[in-house]
C-alpha atoms as a PDB file:
ATOM      1  CA  MET A   1      24.902   7.625  11.934  1.00  0.00           C
ATOM      2  CA  VAL A   2      26.144   4.038  12.209  1.00  0.00           C
ATOM      3  CA  ILE A   3      28.722   4.624   9.459  1.00  0.00           C
ATOM      4  CA  ILE A   4      30.035   7.674  11.310  1.00  0.00           C
ATOM      5  CA  ILE A   5      30.437   5.686  14.549  1.00  0.00           C
ATOM      6  CA  ILE A   6      32.252   2.886  12.722  1.00  0.00           C
ATOM      7  CA  GLY A   7      34.540   5.427  11.040  1.00  0.00           C
ATOM      8  CA  ILE A   8      35.390   7.089  14.368  1.00  0.00           C
ATOM      9  CA  LEU A   9      36.081   3.705  15.956  1.00  0.00           C
ATOM     10  CA  VAL A  10      38.369   2.633  13.089  1.00  0.00           C
ATOM     11  CA  ILE A  11      40.295   5.918  13.232  1.00  0.00           C
ATOM     12  CA  ALA A  12      40.679   5.603  17.006  1.00  0.00           C
ATOM     13  CA  MET A  13      41.997   2.028  16.675  1.00  0.00           C
ATOM     14  CA  LEU A  14      44.475   3.033  13.948  1.00  0.00           C
ATOM     15  CA  ALA A  15      45.710   5.919  16.061  1.00  0.00           C
ATOM     16  CA  PHE A  16      46.103   3.669  19.107  1.00  0.00           C
ATOM     17  CA  PHE A  17      47.997   0.933  17.271  1.00  0.00           C
ATOM     18  CA  SER A  18      50.180   3.524  15.528  1.00  0.00           C
ATOM     19  CA  TYR A  19      51.043   4.962  18.931  1.00  0.00           C
ATOM     20  CA  GLU A  20      51.890   1.462  20.236  1.00  0.00           C
ATOM     21  CA  LEU A  21      54.039   0.794  17.176  1.00  0.00           C
ATOM     22  CA  VAL A  22      55.995   4.026  17.702  1.00  0.00           C
ATOM     23  CA  LYS A  23      56.567   3.126  21.351  1.00  0.00           C
ATOM     24  CA  ARG A  24      57.907  -0.301  20.387  1.00  0.00           C
ATOM     25  CA  ILE A  25      60.266   1.205  17.818  1.00  0.00           C
ATOM     26  CA  ASN A  26      61.538   3.684  20.380  1.00  0.00           C
ATOM     27  CA  LEU A  27      61.838   0.898  22.945  1.00  0.00           C
ATOM     28  CA  ASP A  28      63.971  -1.167  20.590  1.00  0.00           C
ATOM     29  CA  ARG A  29      66.247   1.839  20.086  1.00  0.00           C
ATOM     30  CA  LEU A  30      66.971   2.228  23.784  1.00  0.00           C
ATOM     31  CA  PRO A  31      70.609   1.367  24.600  1.00  0.00           C
ATOM     32  CA  ALA A  32      71.009  -1.762  26.738  1.00  0.00           C
ATOM     33  CA  ASP A  33      74.545  -1.223  28.135  1.00  0.00           C
ATOM     34  CA  ASN A  34      74.239  -3.694  30.959  1.00  0.00           C
ATOM     35  CA  THR A  35      72.171  -6.608  32.167  1.00  0.00           C
ATOM     36  CA  LYS A  36      70.158  -4.499  34.619  1.00  0.00           C
ATOM     37  CA  MET A  37      69.043  -2.092  31.927  1.00  0.00           C
ATOM     38  CA  GLN A  38      68.189  -4.968  29.585  1.00  0.00           C
ATOM     39  CA  ARG A  39      66.103  -6.549  32.332  1.00  0.00           C
ATOM     40  CA  LYS A  40      64.141  -3.326  32.820  1.00  0.00           C
ATOM     41  CA  ILE A  41      63.546  -3.045  29.072  1.00  0.00           C
ATOM     42  CA  ASN A  42      62.293  -6.632  28.936  1.00  0.00           C
ATOM     43  CA  VAL A  43      59.913  -6.055  31.871  1.00  0.00           C
ATOM     44  CA  TYR A  44      58.582  -2.883  30.271  1.00  0.00           C
ATOM     45  CA  ARG A  45      58.167  -4.700  26.957  1.00  0.00           C
ATOM     46  CA  GLN A  46      56.162  -7.478  28.671  1.00  0.00           C
ATOM     47  CA  GLN A  47      53.942  -4.877  30.306  1.00  0.00           C
ATOM     48  CA  GLU A  48      53.389  -3.209  26.948  1.00  0.00           C
ATOM     49  CA  ASN A  49      52.577  -6.567  25.365  1.00  0.00           C
ATOM     50  CA  SER A  50      50.021  -7.304  28.082  1.00  0.00           C
ATOM     51  CA  ARG A  51      48.510  -3.849  27.695  1.00  0.00           C
ATOM     52  CA  LEU A  52      48.337  -4.321  23.923  1.00  0.00           C
ATOM     53  CA  ILE A  53      46.606  -7.700  24.267  1.00  0.00           C
ATOM     54  CA  VAL A  54      44.058  -6.223  26.663  1.00  0.00           C
ATOM     55  CA  SER A  55      43.499  -3.320  24.266  1.00  0.00           C
ATOM     56  CA  ILE A  56      42.969  -5.686  21.341  1.00  0.00           C
ATOM     57  CA  ILE A  57      40.453  -7.735  23.365  1.00  0.00           C
ATOM     58  CA  VAL A  58      38.566  -4.586  24.383  1.00  0.00           C
ATOM     59  CA  ALA A  59      38.562  -3.368  20.774  1.00  0.00           C
ATOM     60  CA  LEU A  60      37.228  -6.717  19.551  1.00  0.00           C
ATOM     61  CA  ILE A  61      34.492  -6.649  22.207  1.00  0.00           C
ATOM     62  CA  LEU A  62      33.479  -3.123  21.193  1.00  0.00           C
ATOM     63  CA  ILE A  63      33.417  -4.069  17.513  1.00  0.00           C
ATOM     64  CA  SER A  64      31.349  -7.179  18.299  1.00  0.00           C
ATOM     65  CA  LEU A  65      28.866  -5.165  20.358  1.00  0.00           C
ATOM     66  CA  LEU A  66      28.601  -2.569  17.606  1.00  0.00           C
ATOM     67  CA  LEU A  67      28.001  -5.222  14.949  1.00  0.00           C
ATOM     68  CA  LEU A  68      25.418  -6.919  17.162  1.00  0.00           C
ATOM     69  CA  GLY A  69      23.696  -3.588  17.633  1.00  0.00           C
ATOM     70  CA  ILE A  70      23.616  -3.008  13.866  1.00  0.00           C
ATOM     71  CA  LEU A  71      22.259  -6.501  13.225  1.00  0.00           C
ATOM     72  CA  TYR A  72      19.623  -6.098  15.934  1.00  0.00           C
ATOM     73  CA  GLN A  73      18.580  -2.725  14.537  1.00  0.00           C
ATOM     74  CA  GLN A  74      18.273  -4.200  11.042  1.00  0.00           C
ATOM     75  CA  TYR A  75      16.282  -7.137  12.415  1.00  0.00           C
ATOM     76  CA  THR A  76      13.940  -4.748  14.246  1.00  0.00           C
ATOM     77  CA  LEU A  77      13.439  -2.673  11.088  1.00  0.00           C
ATOM     78  CA  ASP A  78      12.675  -5.810   9.067  1.00  0.00           C
ATOM     79  CA  GLN A  79      10.138  -6.942  11.667  1.00  0.00           C
ATOM     80  CA  ASP A  80       8.498  -3.506  11.700  1.00  0.00           C
ATOM     81  CA  ASN A  81       8.313  -3.517   7.905  1.00  0.00           C
ATOM     82  CA  GLU A  82       6.717  -6.967   7.904  1.00  0.00           C
ATOM     83  CA  SER A  83       4.193  -5.890  10.554  1.00  0.00           C
ATOM     84  CA  LEU A  84       3.371  -2.726   8.629  1.00  0.00           C
ATOM     85  CA  LYS A  85       2.960  -4.692   5.408  1.00  0.00           C
ATOM     86  CA  ALA A  86       0.627  -7.145   7.147  1.00  0.00           C
ATOM     87  CA  GLU A  87      -1.429  -4.284   8.604  1.00  0.00           C
ATOM     88  CA  VAL A  88      -1.726  -2.620   5.189  1.00  0.00           C
ATOM     89  CA  GLU A  89      -2.832  -5.886   3.599  1.00  0.00           C
ATOM     90  CA  THR A  90      -5.344  -6.445   6.407  1.00  0.00           C
ATOM     91  CA  LEU A  91      -6.733  -2.930   6.051  1.00  0.00           C
ATOM     92  CA  GLY A  92      -6.873  -3.292   2.296  1.00  0.00           C
ATOM     93  CA  GLY A  93      -8.753  -6.536   2.663  1.00  0.00           C
ATOM     94  CA  SER A  94     -11.191  -5.121   5.204  1.00  0.00           C
ATOM     95  CA  LYS A  95     -11.958  -2.161   2.940  1.00  0.00           C
ATOM     96  CA  SER A  96     -12.728  -4.372  -0.055  1.00  0.00           C
ATOM     97  CA  ALA A  97     -16.484  -4.495  -0.275  1.00  0.00           C
ATOM     98  CA  THR A  98     -18.283  -7.839  -0.454  1.00  0.00           C
ATOM     99  CA  VAL A  99     -20.298  -8.207  -3.652  1.00  0.00           C
ATOM    100  CA  GLU A 100     -23.312 -10.496  -3.999  1.00  0.00           C
ATOM    101  CA  GLU A 101     -24.447 -12.104  -7.228  1.00  0.00           C
ATOM    102  CA  TYR A 102     -27.660 -10.491  -8.398  1.00  0.00           C
ATOM    103  CA  THR A 103     -30.710 -12.680  -8.898  1.00  0.00           C
ATOM    104  CA  GLU A 104     -32.662 -11.504 -11.920  1.00  0.00           C
ATOM    105  CA  ASN A 105     -35.722  -9.403 -11.129  1.00  0.00           C
ATOM    106  CA  SER A 106     -35.038  -9.522  -7.382  1.00  0.00           C
ATOM    107  CA  LEU A 107     -35.076  -5.713  -7.187  1.00  0.00           C
ATOM    108  CA  LYS A 108     -37.757  -5.339  -9.860  1.00  0.00           C
ATOM    109  CA  LEU A 109     -35.756  -2.567 -11.490  1.00  0.00           C
ATOM    110  CA  ALA A 110     -38.302  -1.959 -14.215  1.00  0.00           C
ATOM    111  CA  ASP A 111     -40.926  -1.092 -11.574  1.00  0.00           C
ATOM    112  CA  PHE A 112     -38.883   1.698  -9.991  1.00  0.00           C
ATOM    113  CA  SER A 113     -40.298   5.246 -10.113  1.00  0.00           C
ATOM    114  CA  TRP A 114     -38.423   6.237 -13.270  1.00  0.00           C
ATOM    115  CA  GLY A 115     -41.365   8.140 -14.685  1.00  0.00           C
ATOM    116  CA  LYS A 116     -41.732  10.228 -11.522  1.00  0.00           C
ATOM    117  CA  ILE A 117     -38.028  11.096 -11.624  1.00  0.00           C
ATOM    118  CA  VAL A 118     -38.381  12.437 -15.172  1.00  0.00           C
ATOM    119  CA  GLU A 119     -41.462  14.484 -14.278  1.00  0.00           C
ATOM    120  CA  SER A 120     -40.195  15.802 -10.925  1.00  0.00           C
ATOM    121  CA  GLN A 121     -38.599  19.227 -10.726  1.00  0.00           C
ATOM    122  CA  ASP A 122     -37.676  18.851  -7.055  1.00  0.00           C
ATOM    123  CA  ALA A 123     -33.892  18.619  -6.535  1.00  0.00           C
ATOM    124  CA  ALA A 124     -34.354  17.226  -3.008  1.00  0.00           C
ATOM    125  CA  ALA A 125     -36.575  14.454  -4.328  1.00  0.00           C
ATOM    126  CA  LEU A 126     -33.994  13.589  -7.000  1.00  0.00           C
ATOM    127  CA  LYS A 127     -31.325  13.349  -4.302  1.00  0.00           C
ATOM    128  CA  ASN A 128     -33.522  10.987  -2.292  1.00  0.00           C
ATOM    129  CA  TYR A 129     -33.967   8.757  -5.340  1.00  0.00           C
ATOM    130  CA  GLU A 130     -30.180   8.676  -5.811  1.00  0.00           C
ATOM    131  CA  LEU A 131     -29.614   7.725  -2.172  1.00  0.00           C
ATOM    132  CA  GLN A 132     -32.277   5.023  -2.384  1.00  0.00           C
ATOM    133  CA  LEU A 133     -30.688   3.480  -5.470  1.00  0.00           C
ATOM    134  CA  SER A 134     -27.228   3.667  -3.859  1.00  0.00           C
ATOM    135  CA  ARG A 135     -28.485   1.712  -0.841  1.00  0.00           C
ATOM    136  CA  GLU A 136     -30.361  -0.880  -2.891  1.00  0.00           C
ATOM    137  CA  TRP A 137     -27.584  -1.425  -5.427  1.00  0.00           C
ATOM    138  CA  GLN A 138     -24.723  -1.531  -2.910  1.00  0.00           C
ATOM    139  CA  PRO A 139     -24.827  -5.317  -2.270  1.00  0.00           C
ATOM    140  CA  PHE A 140     -24.296  -5.946  -5.989  1.00  0.00           C
ATOM    141  CA  PHE A 141     -21.617  -3.338  -6.786  1.00  0.00           C
ATOM    142  CA  GLY A 142     -19.881  -2.639  -3.468  1.00  0.00           C
ATOM    143  CA  GLU A 143     -19.659   0.880  -2.060  1.00  0.00           C
ATOM    144  CA  VAL A 144     -21.496   2.879  -4.710  1.00  0.00           C
ATOM    145  CA  SER A 145     -22.703   6.360  -5.439  1.00  0.00           C
ATOM    146  CA  VAL A 146     -25.549   6.690  -7.940  1.00  0.00           C
ATOM    147  CA  THR A 147     -26.220   9.931  -9.782  1.00  0.00           C
ATOM    148  CA  ILE A 148     -29.147  10.678 -12.081  1.00  0.00           C
ATOM    149  CA  VAL A 149     -29.136  13.279 -14.831  1.00  0.00           C
ATOM    150  CA  ARG A 150     -32.477  14.236 -16.402  1.00  0.00           C
ATOM    151  CA  SER A 151     -32.905  15.383 -19.981  1.00  0.00           C
ATOM    152  CA  GLN A 152     -35.990  17.573 -20.291  1.00  0.00           C
ATOM    153  CA  ASN A 153     -35.740  17.574 -24.088  1.00  0.00           C
ATOM    154  CA  THR A 154     -35.991  13.795 -24.462  1.00  0.00           C
ATOM    155  CA  ASN A 155     -37.645  12.962 -21.106  1.00  0.00           C
ATOM    156  CA  SER A 156     -34.872  10.456 -20.471  1.00  0.00           C
ATOM    157  CA  LEU A 157     -32.402   9.641 -17.728  1.00  0.00           C
ATOM    158  CA  THR A 158     -28.677   9.034 -17.593  1.00  0.00           C
ATOM    159  CA  ILE A 159     -27.767   6.878 -14.603  1.00  0.00           C
ATOM    160  CA  SER A 160     -24.148   6.837 -13.470  1.00  0.00           C
ATOM    161  CA  VAL A 161     -22.843   4.334 -10.932  1.00  0.00           C
ATOM    162  CA  PHE A 162     -19.494   4.885  -9.212  1.00  0.00           C
ATOM    163  CA  SER A 163     -18.086   1.874  -7.353  1.00  0.00           C
ATOM    164  CA  SER A 164     -14.812   1.803  -5.392  1.00  0.00           C
ATOM    165  CA  SER A 165     -12.774  -0.362  -2.998  1.00  0.00           C
ATOM    166  CA  LEU A 166     -13.409  -3.607  -4.830  1.00  0.00           C
ATOM    167  CA  ALA A 167     -11.123  -6.612  -4.824  1.00  0.00           C
ATOM    168  CA  TYR A 168     -10.672  -8.460  -8.100  1.00  0.00           C
ATOM    169  CA  SER A 169     -13.136 -11.196  -7.116  1.00  0.00           C
ATOM    170  CA  GLY A 170     -15.710  -8.547  -6.192  1.00  0.00           C
ATOM    171  CA  PHE A 171     -15.222  -6.800  -9.521  1.00  0.00           C
ATOM    172  CA  THR A 172     -15.773  -9.974 -11.552  1.00  0.00           C
ATOM    173  CA  THR A 173     -19.070 -10.547  -9.722  1.00  0.00           C
ATOM    174  CA  ALA A 174     -20.092  -6.906 -10.164  1.00  0.00           C
ATOM    175  CA  GLU A 175     -19.271  -7.162 -13.875  1.00  0.00           C
ATOM    176  CA  LYS A 176     -21.738 -10.042 -14.226  1.00  0.00           C
ATOM    177  CA  ASN A 177     -24.346  -8.046 -12.298  1.00  0.00           C
ATOM    178  CA  VAL A 178     -23.963  -5.154 -14.752  1.00  0.00           C
ATOM    179  CA  GLU A 179     -25.216  -7.359 -17.588  1.00  0.00           C
ATOM    180  CA  LYS A 180     -28.239  -8.412 -15.551  1.00  0.00           C
ATOM    181  CA  PHE A 181     -29.075  -4.801 -14.645  1.00  0.00           C
ATOM    182  CA  VAL A 182     -28.744  -3.783 -18.277  1.00  0.00           C
ATOM    183  CA  THR A 183     -31.116  -6.553 -19.332  1.00  0.00           C
ATOM    184  CA  GLU A 184     -33.790  -5.452 -16.861  1.00  0.00           C
ATOM    185  CA  LEU A 185     -33.431  -1.723 -17.464  1.00  0.00           C
ATOM    186  CA  SER A 186     -33.466  -2.064 -21.262  1.00  0.00           C
ATOM    187  CA  SER A 187     -37.267  -2.254 -21.126  1.00  0.00           C
ATOM    188  CA  VAL A 188     -37.533   1.020 -19.170  1.00  0.00           C
ATOM    189  CA  PRO A 189     -38.339   3.832 -21.665  1.00  0.00           C
ATOM    190  CA  GLU A 190     -36.975   6.578 -19.393  1.00  0.00           C
ATOM    191  CA  VAL A 191     -33.510   5.044 -18.993  1.00  0.00           C
ATOM    192  CA  ALA A 192     -31.423   6.154 -21.976  1.00  0.00           C
ATOM    193  CA  VAL A 193     -27.873   5.697 -20.653  1.00  0.00           C
ATOM    194  CA  LEU A 194     -26.287   3.470 -18.012  1.00  0.00           C
ATOM    195  CA  ASP A 195     -22.760   4.431 -17.004  1.00  0.00           C
ATOM    196  CA  PHE A 196     -20.829   2.124 -14.640  1.00  0.00           C
ATOM    197  CA  ASN A 197     -17.451   3.222 -13.271  1.00  0.00           C
ATOM    198  CA  PHE A 198     -15.379   0.807 -11.185  1.00  0.00           C
ATOM    199  CA  THR A 199     -12.203   1.246  -9.179  1.00  0.00           C
ATOM    200  CA  TYR A 200     -10.760  -2.095  -8.096  1.00  0.00           C
ATOM    201  CA  ARG A 201      -7.541  -4.033  -7.541  1.00  0.00           C
ATOM    202  CA  ASP A 202      -6.642  -6.510 -10.262  1.00  0.00           C
ATOM    203  CA  LYS A 203      -4.910  -9.883  -9.933  1.00  0.00           C
ATOM    204  CA  THR A 204      -1.570  -8.176  -9.244  1.00  0.00           C
ATOM    205  CA  ASN A 205      -3.168  -5.912  -6.604  1.00  0.00           C
ATOM    206  CA  THR A 206      -2.746  -2.902  -8.894  1.00  0.00           C
ATOM    207  CA  LEU A 207      -5.367  -0.174  -8.592  1.00  0.00           C
ATOM    208  CA  THR A 208      -7.382  -0.271 -11.828  1.00  0.00           C
ATOM    209  CA  LYS A 209     -10.282   1.705 -13.286  1.00  0.00           C
ATOM    210  CA  GLU A 210     -12.905   0.405 -15.688  1.00  0.00           C
ATOM    211  CA  SER A 211     -15.889   2.096 -17.313  1.00  0.00           C
ATOM    212  CA  MET A 212     -18.887   0.398 -18.951  1.00  0.00           C
ATOM    213  CA  VAL A 213     -21.385   2.531 -20.821  1.00  0.00           C
ATOM    214  CA  TYR A 214     -24.707   1.371 -22.300  1.00  0.00           C
ATOM    215  CA  SER A 215     -27.082   3.530 -24.321  1.00  0.00           C
ATOM    216  CA  LYS A 216     -30.126   3.350 -26.546  1.00  0.00           C
ATOM    217  CA  ASP A 217     -29.918   4.276 -30.216  1.00  0.00           C
ATOM    218  CA  ALA A 218     -33.687   4.753 -30.332  1.00  0.00           C
ATOM    219  CA  GLN A 219     -36.531   4.971 -27.833  1.00  0.00           C
ATOM    220  CA  ASP A 220     -37.875   1.511 -28.577  1.00  0.00           C
ATOM    221  CA  GLU A 221     -34.502  -0.249 -28.601  1.00  0.00           C
ATOM    222  CA  GLY A 222     -32.671  -1.837 -25.720  1.00  0.00           C
ATOM    223  CA  LEU A 223     -29.462  -0.696 -24.066  1.00  0.00           C
ATOM    224  CA  LYS A 224     -26.341  -1.535 -26.043  1.00  0.00           C
ATOM    225  CA  LYS A 225     -22.745  -1.374 -24.907  1.00  0.00           C
ATOM    226  CA  VAL A 226     -20.751   1.585 -26.153  1.00  0.00           C
ATOM    227  CA  GLU A 227     -17.188   0.803 -27.187  1.00  0.00           C
ATOM    228  CA  LEU A 228     -14.942   3.282 -25.383  1.00  0.00           C
ATOM    229  CA  LYS A 229     -11.631   4.340 -26.908  1.00  0.00           C
END
């Protein structure tokens, strides 16, 4: 839109000055047979010069106002972009969950009702266990959702933890907490697989996903990390 206005203004100025140039050429061609006629031509030429000067001043003022308007519009857009960027960063920071460092055995993970979960056939009860674990584990992994899958054949459990909205500092703390949880849950016979899934922002603020899986090779062995390809 601004380019169109500038183009129209330039065309109008060229047309005006072309018209003035034609008038001056025609004025110079007028015959000045006597002093009286020459005097009239000189007066008319002075009037045209004055009119041209006024026109140039007006044109310069219009161009200056237009340029000021463009600069002000650009400045306003830059300010809006900066404000929007600051708001996004603030919102991103507020959504990043705070993660606490886990103190070993503070939740007494080995004493949880793992055996009852394996034996229970009640889907509602299983959901309640998942919600309970999500609430209790949230301080150590951020906003989490815990799901439990039972294997009736082996009487074992696969526990999956999904964590999101973590900043990089929160993720590094959560990563340390994973090792502590694995250590405590390794002694629980019912827990066969631990699956941690994190979504966080790395050092460059890029959204990143990371999975950590631990499983038991045998019933009497502890949880070992599975190398994912």
